[in-house]
Amino acid sequence: MIPLPDRLAMKLIVAIGCALLLALLIHDRNHWKAKTAHYAELLAAERGAHSATVAGYRAAAAQARAADAANAARVKADQAAINERTADDYQDRIAAARAAAGSLRRITASASHPGAGRATPVPGLPVAAPGVAESANENGLSQPERLIATEQAIQLDELIQWVRAQGQVDVSGR
């Protein structure tokens, strides 16, 4: 057996060792608490940055959708204006061509029947044969055929102008 003073010294050494171990554990605990608090701050900052980034991307996507919708509406309005202008121009040109053809028909009819509408024909002047005006038609086309060809030429010309105008519409929105 160990004598009493040695036992007391041993207890004292164990107590000091335990106290040092306890102080070391408390120091480690405080160290880890501080580190954990630091990591918690970093994590909170990272989450905040992530949330801000997500919000920024969502706002940018919403802004891009709004810009796309505005651009689509502008393009649609431009195209509708071109369509309306082309249709109006086409109708005006067709009406003018038909009016010119009607006028030409009346002139031709009065030229082929010079005495029509008069009470007495002029003596000594021969009446022109009705087929003379029709045989002198351009390119071998009759007046109705020329009107159809003119209408088709106007239609093609308006279509070409429509395609060019539609091609000039800026769809990129820049």
Protein backbone atom coordinates (compact mmCIF):
# COMPACT_ATOMS: atom_id res chain seq x y z
CA MET A 1 0.00 0.00 0.00
CA ILE A 2 0.98 3.56 -0.71
CA PRO A 3 1.58 5.76 2.27
CA LEU A 4 -0.92 8.53 2.92
CA PRO A 5 1.14 11.51 1.81
CA ASP A 6 1.91 9.73 -1.42
CA ARG A 7 -1.77 8.95 -1.85
CA LEU A 8 -2.63 12.55 -1.35
CA ALA A 9 0.02 13.57 -3.85
CA MET A 10 -1.37 11.06 -6.30
CA LYS A 11 -4.89 12.36 -5.83
CA LEU A 12 -3.59 15.84 -6.20
CA ILE A 13 -1.80 14.93 -9.44
CA VAL A 14 -4.95 13.22 -10.75
CA ALA A 15 -7.04 16.21 -9.72
CA ILE A 16 -4.64 18.60 -11.44
CA GLY A 17 -4.62 16.36 -14.51
CA CYS A 18 -8.44 16.29 -14.52
CA ALA A 19 -8.56 20.05 -14.09
CA LEU A 20 -6.13 20.51 -16.98
CA LEU A 21 -8.12 18.08 -19.08
CA LEU A 22 -11.32 19.92 -18.16
CA ALA A 23 -9.69 23.27 -19.05
CA LEU A 24 -8.52 21.79 -22.35
CA LEU A 25 -12.02 20.46 -23.09
CA ILE A 26 -13.58 23.81 -22.22
CA HIS A 27 -11.07 25.56 -24.45
CA ASP A 28 -11.80 23.14 -27.31
CA ARG A 29 -15.53 23.55 -26.79
CA ASN A 30 -15.20 27.35 -26.93
CA HIS A 31 -12.94 27.06 -29.95
CA TRP A 32 -15.45 24.83 -31.77
CA LYS A 33 -18.34 27.06 -30.76
CA ALA A 34 -16.54 30.06 -32.23
CA LYS A 35 -15.71 28.11 -35.37
CA THR A 36 -19.30 26.86 -35.66
CA ALA A 37 -20.61 30.40 -35.24
CA HIS A 38 -18.19 31.53 -37.97
CA TYR A 39 -19.32 28.73 -40.30
CA ALA A 40 -22.95 29.51 -39.50
CA GLU A 41 -22.31 33.13 -40.53
CA LEU A 42 -20.63 31.98 -43.73
CA LEU A 43 -23.52 29.63 -44.46
CA ALA A 44 -26.08 32.38 -43.82
CA ALA A 45 -24.14 34.75 -46.08
CA GLU A 46 -23.92 32.08 -48.79
CA ARG A 47 -27.64 31.37 -48.55
CA GLY A 48 -28.36 35.10 -48.75
CA ALA A 49 -26.15 35.43 -51.82
CA HIS A 50 -27.83 32.40 -53.37
CA SER A 51 -31.28 33.86 -52.70
CA ALA A 52 -30.20 37.19 -54.19
CA THR A 53 -28.84 35.42 -57.26
CA VAL A 54 -32.04 33.41 -57.70
CA ALA A 55 -34.12 36.58 -57.28
CA GLY A 56 -31.91 38.38 -59.81
CA TYR A 57 -32.30 35.59 -62.36
CA ARG A 58 -36.05 35.50 -61.82
CA ALA A 59 -36.29 39.27 -62.24
CA ALA A 60 -34.15 39.13 -65.38
CA ALA A 61 -36.28 36.29 -66.79
CA ALA A 62 -39.47 38.24 -66.05
CA GLN A 63 -37.99 41.34 -67.67
CA ALA A 64 -36.92 39.30 -70.71
CA ARG A 65 -40.42 37.79 -70.99
CA ALA A 66 -41.96 41.27 -70.83
CA ALA A 67 -39.52 42.56 -73.46
CA ASP A 68 -40.27 39.56 -75.68
CA ALA A 69 -44.01 40.11 -75.31
CA ALA A 70 -43.64 43.82 -76.13
CA ASN A 71 -41.45 42.99 -79.13
CA ALA A 72 -43.92 40.36 -80.34
CA ALA A 73 -46.77 42.87 -80.04
CA ARG A 74 -44.73 45.47 -81.94
CA VAL A 75 -43.84 43.00 -84.70
CA LYS A 76 -47.46 41.86 -84.93
CA ALA A 77 -48.65 45.48 -85.19
CA ASP A 78 -46.01 46.27 -87.84
CA GLN A 79 -46.99 43.21 -89.85
CA ALA A 80 -50.69 44.00 -89.53
CA ALA A 81 -50.04 47.56 -90.75
CA ILE A 82 -48.10 46.20 -93.72
CA ASN A 83 -50.91 43.74 -94.47
CA GLU A 84 -53.55 46.48 -94.32
CA ARG A 85 -51.49 48.92 -96.38
CA THR A 86 -50.78 46.25 -99.00
CA ALA A 87 -54.43 45.20 -99.19
CA ASP A 88 -55.52 48.84 -99.54
CA ASP A 89 -52.93 49.53 -102.24
CA TYR A 90 -53.95 46.35 -104.05
CA GLN A 91 -57.64 47.26 -103.96
CA ASP A 92 -56.88 50.81 -105.17
CA ARG A 93 -54.73 49.58 -108.05
CA ILE A 94 -57.27 46.91 -109.07
CA ALA A 95 -60.09 49.48 -109.00
CA ALA A 96 -58.01 51.87 -111.13
CA ALA A 97 -57.18 49.09 -113.62
CA ARG A 98 -60.83 48.04 -113.85
CA ALA A 99 -61.93 51.65 -114.29
CA ALA A 100 -59.34 52.11 -117.05
CA ALA A 101 -60.50 48.88 -118.71
CA GLY A 102 -64.14 50.01 -118.51
CA SER A 103 -63.22 53.37 -120.00
CA LEU A 104 -61.27 51.66 -122.76
CA ARG A 105 -64.23 49.35 -123.41
CA ARG A 106 -66.57 52.34 -123.78
CA ILE A 107 -64.11 54.11 -126.08
CA THR A 108 -63.67 50.96 -128.16
CA ALA A 109 -67.42 50.36 -128.30
CA SER A 110 -68.11 53.91 -129.41
CA ALA A 111 -65.31 53.72 -131.99
CA SER A 112 -66.62 50.46 -133.43
CA HIS A 113 -70.17 51.86 -133.66
CA PRO A 114 -69.65 55.47 -134.68
CA GLY A 115 -73.26 56.13 -135.52
CA ALA A 116 -74.63 54.75 -132.27
CA GLY A 117 -76.56 57.31 -130.36
CA ARG A 118 -77.06 59.62 -133.36
CA ALA A 119 -80.30 60.06 -135.18
CA THR A 120 -78.84 59.90 -138.65
CA PRO A 121 -75.50 58.53 -139.70
CA VAL A 122 -73.10 60.75 -141.57
CA PRO A 123 -73.55 60.05 -145.26
CA GLY A 124 -70.66 58.77 -147.26
CA LEU A 125 -68.58 57.41 -144.31
CA PRO A 126 -68.29 53.67 -144.10
CA VAL A 127 -69.04 52.06 -140.75
CA ALA A 128 -65.96 50.33 -139.29
CA ALA A 129 -66.15 46.60 -139.09
CA PRO A 130 -66.78 45.41 -135.51
CA GLY A 131 -63.80 43.07 -135.57
CA VAL A 132 -61.24 45.80 -136.39
CA ALA A 133 -60.74 47.01 -132.81
CA GLU A 134 -60.56 43.50 -131.48
CA SER A 135 -57.97 42.36 -134.01
CA ALA A 136 -55.62 45.19 -133.06
CA ASN A 137 -55.31 44.02 -129.44
CA GLU A 138 -51.85 43.98 -127.87
CA ASN A 139 -50.01 40.68 -127.69
CA GLY A 140 -52.99 38.91 -129.16
CA LEU A 141 -55.02 39.30 -125.96
CA SER A 142 -58.61 40.44 -125.87
CA GLN A 143 -59.62 43.26 -123.54
CA PRO A 144 -60.96 40.90 -120.83
CA GLU A 145 -57.75 38.86 -121.04
CA ARG A 146 -55.66 42.02 -120.79
CA LEU A 147 -57.62 43.06 -117.69
CA ILE A 148 -56.99 39.63 -116.13
CA ALA A 149 -53.27 39.86 -116.99
CA THR A 150 -53.11 43.38 -115.53
CA GLU A 151 -54.85 42.25 -112.35
CA GLN A 152 -52.43 39.35 -112.01
CA ALA A 153 -49.44 41.63 -112.59
CA ILE A 154 -50.75 44.02 -109.92
CA GLN A 155 -51.30 41.09 -107.57
CA LEU A 156 -47.74 39.82 -108.10
CA ASP A 157 -46.29 43.31 -107.73
CA GLU A 158 -48.17 43.85 -104.46
CA LEU A 159 -47.06 40.42 -103.25
CA ILE A 160 -43.43 41.29 -103.99
CA GLN A 161 -43.78 44.60 -102.15
CA TRP A 162 -45.48 42.81 -99.24
CA VAL A 163 -42.66 40.24 -98.98
CA ARG A 164 -40.03 42.98 -99.05
CA ALA A 165 -41.86 45.01 -96.41
CA GLN A 166 -42.32 41.95 -94.19
CA GLY A 167 -38.63 41.15 -94.60
CA GLN A 168 -37.71 44.61 -93.31
CA VAL A 169 -39.65 44.19 -90.07
CA ASP A 170 -37.13 43.98 -87.22
CA VAL A 171 -38.15 40.89 -85.27
CA SER A 172 -35.07 40.90 -83.03
CA GLY A 173 -36.25 43.85 -80.99
CA ARG A 174 -32.82 45.48 -80.95
